[in-house]
Amino acid sequence: MKDFVDGTAFNNEQGNRARKLFAAVVLAALDDAIADDKKYGNGPDQIARWARSRDGREVLSCAGIDPNERVVQGLMEFVSKGVRTSVALSREESERRHAAEQAEAA
């Protein structure tokens, strides 16, 4: 019985690692699309094309993201804002956005 529990925990941990790896691939694709947007002006189109492709749908699914049209629109909107993923996920950016929302509400 103990071996079964250890094996299940190990498999769950491996699955979580794989999901994080694919999530990193999605973040890299977003950064590439943002770079394309700054350089060529076609970033949202690039990320939409990738997300709708077979490979893109597979990567999104493996990352735990349902590859539907709403997700594609969200990815396009994120790329059009032009904020790199490392900055968007940082605590400072989160606090800055929260402060801006507070100031806007007041």
Protein backbone atom coordinates (compact mmCIF):
# COMPACT_ATOMS: atom_id res chain seq x y z
CA MET A 1 0.00 0.00 0.00
CA LYS A 2 2.82 2.39 0.87
CA ASP A 3 4.41 1.85 -2.54
CA PHE A 4 1.13 2.76 -4.24
CA VAL A 5 0.88 6.04 -2.31
CA ASP A 6 4.51 6.90 -3.04
CA GLY A 7 4.02 6.10 -6.72
CA THR A 8 0.87 8.24 -6.92
CA ALA A 9 2.60 11.17 -5.19
CA PHE A 10 5.58 10.83 -7.51
CA ASN A 11 3.37 10.76 -10.62
CA ASN A 12 1.42 13.80 -9.41
CA GLU A 13 4.67 15.68 -8.79
CA GLN A 14 5.97 14.74 -12.24
CA GLY A 15 2.72 15.97 -13.78
CA ASN A 16 3.03 19.29 -11.99
CA ARG A 17 6.59 19.67 -13.23
CA ALA A 18 5.52 18.96 -16.79
CA ARG A 19 2.70 21.50 -16.53
CA LYS A 20 5.16 24.15 -15.30
CA LEU A 21 7.50 23.34 -18.17
CA PHE A 22 4.74 23.83 -20.74
CA ALA A 23 3.60 27.01 -18.96
CA ALA A 24 7.16 28.32 -19.42
CA VAL A 25 6.87 27.56 -23.15
CA VAL A 26 3.64 29.59 -23.29
CA LEU A 27 5.38 32.50 -21.52
CA ALA A 28 8.28 32.28 -23.99
CA ALA A 29 5.82 32.35 -26.91
CA LEU A 30 4.21 35.46 -25.43
CA ASP A 31 7.61 37.15 -25.08
CA ASP A 32 8.46 36.26 -28.68
CA ALA A 33 5.17 37.71 -29.88
CA ILE A 34 5.77 40.90 -27.87
CA ALA A 35 9.22 41.21 -29.46
CA ASP A 36 7.65 40.70 -32.91
CA ASP A 37 5.05 43.33 -32.10
CA LYS A 38 7.72 45.88 -31.20
CA LYS A 39 9.84 45.03 -34.22
CA TYR A 40 7.30 44.29 -36.97
CA GLY A 41 3.94 45.28 -35.49
CA ASN A 42 2.33 41.86 -35.93
CA GLY A 43 2.63 40.36 -32.42
CA PRO A 44 -1.07 39.74 -31.69
CA ASP A 45 -1.48 38.05 -35.08
CA GLN A 46 1.58 35.87 -34.42
CA ILE A 47 0.39 34.66 -31.01
CA ALA A 48 -3.11 34.03 -32.38
CA ARG A 49 -1.71 31.99 -35.26
CA TRP A 50 0.45 29.99 -32.83
CA ALA A 51 -2.35 29.43 -30.30
CA ARG A 52 -4.72 28.22 -33.03
CA SER A 53 -2.15 25.87 -34.55
CA ARG A 54 -1.98 22.21 -33.64
CA ASP A 55 1.29 22.67 -31.73
CA GLY A 56 0.00 25.72 -29.90
CA ARG A 57 -3.20 23.97 -28.83
CA GLU A 58 -1.16 21.00 -27.63
CA VAL A 59 1.22 23.19 -25.60
CA LEU A 60 -1.66 25.16 -24.08
CA SER A 61 -3.43 21.92 -23.14
CA CYS A 62 -0.28 20.48 -21.57
CA ALA A 63 0.14 23.71 -19.60
CA GLY A 64 -3.35 23.24 -18.18
CA ILE A 65 -4.93 26.00 -20.30
CA ASP A 66 -8.07 25.25 -22.31
CA PRO A 67 -7.18 26.28 -25.89
CA ASN A 68 -10.44 28.04 -26.78
CA GLU A 69 -11.09 31.29 -28.62
CA ARG A 70 -11.48 33.26 -25.40
CA VAL A 71 -7.93 32.27 -24.42
CA VAL A 72 -6.64 33.28 -27.87
CA GLN A 73 -8.28 36.70 -27.48
CA GLY A 74 -6.71 37.08 -24.03
CA LEU A 75 -3.27 36.19 -25.37
CA MET A 76 -3.69 38.71 -28.19
CA GLU A 77 -4.75 41.40 -25.73
CA PHE A 78 -1.77 40.64 -23.48
CA VAL A 79 0.64 40.91 -26.41
CA SER A 80 -0.92 44.16 -27.60
CA LYS A 81 -0.22 45.74 -24.19
CA GLY A 82 3.49 45.15 -24.82
CA VAL A 83 4.46 44.29 -21.23
CA ARG A 84 7.02 41.46 -21.05
CA THR A 85 5.89 38.45 -19.03
CA SER A 86 8.71 38.77 -16.50
CA VAL A 87 7.61 42.34 -15.76
CA ALA A 88 3.89 41.53 -15.78
CA LEU A 89 4.40 38.72 -13.26
CA SER A 90 6.61 40.76 -10.93
CA ARG A 91 5.40 42.03 -7.58
CA GLU A 92 6.33 45.64 -8.41
CA GLU A 93 4.17 45.66 -11.52
CA SER A 94 1.28 44.12 -9.62
CA GLU A 95 1.55 46.77 -6.91
CA ARG A 96 1.81 49.54 -9.51
CA ARG A 97 -1.33 48.33 -11.30
CA HIS A 98 -3.19 48.02 -8.00
CA ALA A 99 -2.17 51.58 -7.02
CA ALA A 100 -3.31 52.87 -10.42
CA GLU A 101 -6.68 51.15 -9.98
CA GLN A 102 -7.03 52.66 -6.51
CA ALA A 103 -6.21 56.14 -7.82
CA GLU A 104 -8.66 55.68 -10.69
CA ALA A 105 -11.45 54.62 -8.33
CA ALA A 106 -10.90 57.64 -6.05
